[in-house]
Amino acid sequence: MQGSQLSAEQECRLAAIACVVHAKDAVRSMTLLNDRYSRGTKSVPSSWDLVAAVRGKKVPVQLRRDGQEFVASFESGEELR
């Protein structure tokens, strides 16, 4: 993506996608570890405070689960589902 300029909205969307992929992977890992053979159970978090790097810029993202969906919130107040 060198040479292209991303708008602030595109940066937020890209950061949200990266954070959702990370969170889904974490939830899947915790679910697999919490099978009936494990000794301890870990609770799956319902929210994450993450920072995504988009073209060298750090974008703070607050991610929360809303049922089966993820909602990403940004410092600007914008929310993406």
C-alpha atoms as a PDB file:
ATOM      1  CA  MET A   1       0.000   0.000   0.000  1.00  0.00           C
ATOM      2  CA  GLN A   2       2.914   2.322  -0.492  1.00  0.00           C
ATOM      3  CA  GLY A   3       2.065   5.527  -2.259  1.00  0.00           C
ATOM      4  CA  SER A   4      -1.594   5.507  -1.330  1.00  0.00           C
ATOM      5  CA  GLN A   5      -3.051   7.893   1.205  1.00  0.00           C
ATOM      6  CA  LEU A   6      -5.579   6.507   3.641  1.00  0.00           C
ATOM      7  CA  SER A   7      -8.291   8.713   5.031  1.00  0.00           C
ATOM      8  CA  ALA A   8      -8.900   8.769   8.784  1.00  0.00           C
ATOM      9  CA  GLU A   9     -12.005   6.632   8.250  1.00  0.00           C
ATOM     10  CA  GLN A  10     -10.043   4.054   6.253  1.00  0.00           C
ATOM     11  CA  GLU A  11      -7.375   3.921   8.963  1.00  0.00           C
ATOM     12  CA  CYS A  12     -10.057   3.299  11.582  1.00  0.00           C
ATOM     13  CA  ARG A  13     -11.651   0.545   9.508  1.00  0.00           C
ATOM     14  CA  LEU A  14      -8.314  -1.155   8.919  1.00  0.00           C
ATOM     15  CA  ALA A  15      -7.443  -0.938  12.627  1.00  0.00           C
ATOM     16  CA  ALA A  16     -10.873  -2.348  13.549  1.00  0.00           C
ATOM     17  CA  ILE A  17     -10.412  -5.306  11.201  1.00  0.00           C
ATOM     18  CA  ALA A  18      -6.984  -6.099  12.666  1.00  0.00           C
ATOM     19  CA  CYS A  19      -8.337  -5.903  16.228  1.00  0.00           C
ATOM     20  CA  VAL A  20     -11.350  -8.106  15.479  1.00  0.00           C
ATOM     21  CA  VAL A  21      -9.120 -10.758  13.892  1.00  0.00           C
ATOM     22  CA  HIS A  22      -6.883 -10.657  16.984  1.00  0.00           C
ATOM     23  CA  ALA A  23      -9.842 -10.891  19.374  1.00  0.00           C
ATOM     24  CA  LYS A  24     -11.487 -13.745  17.455  1.00  0.00           C
ATOM     25  CA  ASP A  25      -8.227 -15.673  17.557  1.00  0.00           C
ATOM     26  CA  ALA A  26      -7.955 -15.079  21.314  1.00  0.00           C
ATOM     27  CA  VAL A  27     -11.566 -16.204  21.879  1.00  0.00           C
ATOM     28  CA  ARG A  28     -11.021 -19.327  19.764  1.00  0.00           C
ATOM     29  CA  SER A  29      -7.837 -20.171  21.691  1.00  0.00           C
ATOM     30  CA  MET A  30      -9.565 -19.721  25.053  1.00  0.00           C
ATOM     31  CA  THR A  31     -12.509 -21.817  23.919  1.00  0.00           C
ATOM     32  CA  LEU A  32     -10.209 -24.644  22.834  1.00  0.00           C
ATOM     33  CA  LEU A  33      -8.295 -24.458  26.120  1.00  0.00           C
ATOM     34  CA  ASN A  34     -11.505 -24.590  28.133  1.00  0.00           C
ATOM     35  CA  ASP A  35     -12.513 -28.047  26.955  1.00  0.00           C
ATOM     36  CA  ARG A  36     -13.677 -30.633  29.445  1.00  0.00           C
ATOM     37  CA  TYR A  37     -10.152 -31.966  29.998  1.00  0.00           C
ATOM     38  CA  SER A  38      -8.619 -28.729  31.183  1.00  0.00           C
ATOM     39  CA  ARG A  39      -8.155 -28.245  34.898  1.00  0.00           C
ATOM     40  CA  GLY A  40      -8.820 -24.543  35.055  1.00  0.00           C
ATOM     41  CA  THR A  41     -11.191 -22.487  33.038  1.00  0.00           C
ATOM     42  CA  LYS A  42     -10.496 -19.044  31.724  1.00  0.00           C
ATOM     43  CA  SER A  43     -13.301 -16.604  31.205  1.00  0.00           C
ATOM     44  CA  VAL A  44     -13.482 -15.081  27.766  1.00  0.00           C
ATOM     45  CA  PRO A  45     -13.213 -11.280  28.021  1.00  0.00           C
ATOM     46  CA  SER A  46     -16.074  -9.176  26.734  1.00  0.00           C
ATOM     47  CA  SER A  47     -13.895  -6.160  25.925  1.00  0.00           C
ATOM     48  CA  TRP A  48     -10.329  -5.364  24.898  1.00  0.00           C
ATOM     49  CA  ASP A  49      -8.255  -2.185  24.855  1.00  0.00           C
ATOM     50  CA  LEU A  50      -5.943  -2.607  21.880  1.00  0.00           C
ATOM     51  CA  VAL A  51      -3.587  -0.517  19.776  1.00  0.00           C
ATOM     52  CA  ALA A  52      -3.278  -1.249  16.051  1.00  0.00           C
ATOM     53  CA  ALA A  53      -0.396   0.023  13.940  1.00  0.00           C
ATOM     54  CA  VAL A  54      -1.572   1.382  10.592  1.00  0.00           C
ATOM     55  CA  ARG A  55       1.244   2.622   8.328  1.00  0.00           C
ATOM     56  CA  GLY A  56       3.402   3.385  11.359  1.00  0.00           C
ATOM     57  CA  LYS A  57       0.635   5.261  13.163  1.00  0.00           C
ATOM     58  CA  LYS A  58      -0.716   3.820  16.420  1.00  0.00           C
ATOM     59  CA  VAL A  59      -4.510   3.702  16.514  1.00  0.00           C
ATOM     60  CA  PRO A  60      -6.094   2.953  19.929  1.00  0.00           C
ATOM     61  CA  VAL A  61      -9.179   0.751  19.613  1.00  0.00           C
ATOM     62  CA  GLN A  62     -11.609  -0.279  22.314  1.00  0.00           C
ATOM     63  CA  LEU A  63     -13.283  -3.495  21.216  1.00  0.00           C
ATOM     64  CA  ARG A  64     -16.288  -5.080  22.870  1.00  0.00           C
ATOM     65  CA  ARG A  65     -18.511  -8.043  22.159  1.00  0.00           C
ATOM     66  CA  ASP A  66     -22.177  -7.395  21.573  1.00  0.00           C
ATOM     67  CA  GLY A  67     -23.700 -10.845  21.301  1.00  0.00           C
ATOM     68  CA  GLN A  68     -22.000 -12.436  18.307  1.00  0.00           C
ATOM     69  CA  GLU A  69     -20.790  -9.081  16.943  1.00  0.00           C
ATOM     70  CA  PHE A  70     -17.786  -6.973  17.779  1.00  0.00           C
ATOM     71  CA  VAL A  71     -18.053  -3.199  18.178  1.00  0.00           C
ATOM     72  CA  ALA A  72     -14.920  -1.094  17.736  1.00  0.00           C
ATOM     73  CA  SER A  73     -14.791   2.347  19.392  1.00  0.00           C
ATOM     74  CA  PHE A  74     -12.204   5.020  18.659  1.00  0.00           C
ATOM     75  CA  GLU A  75     -10.963   8.136  20.446  1.00  0.00           C
ATOM     76  CA  SER A  76     -12.972  10.254  17.997  1.00  0.00           C
ATOM     77  CA  GLY A  77     -16.171   8.691  19.342  1.00  0.00           C
ATOM     78  CA  GLU A  78     -16.825   6.758  16.146  1.00  0.00           C
ATOM     79  CA  GLU A  79     -18.102   3.198  16.470  1.00  0.00           C
ATOM     80  CA  LEU A  80     -17.938   0.443  13.887  1.00  0.00           C
ATOM     81  CA  ARG A  81     -19.783  -2.867  13.909  1.00  0.00           C
END
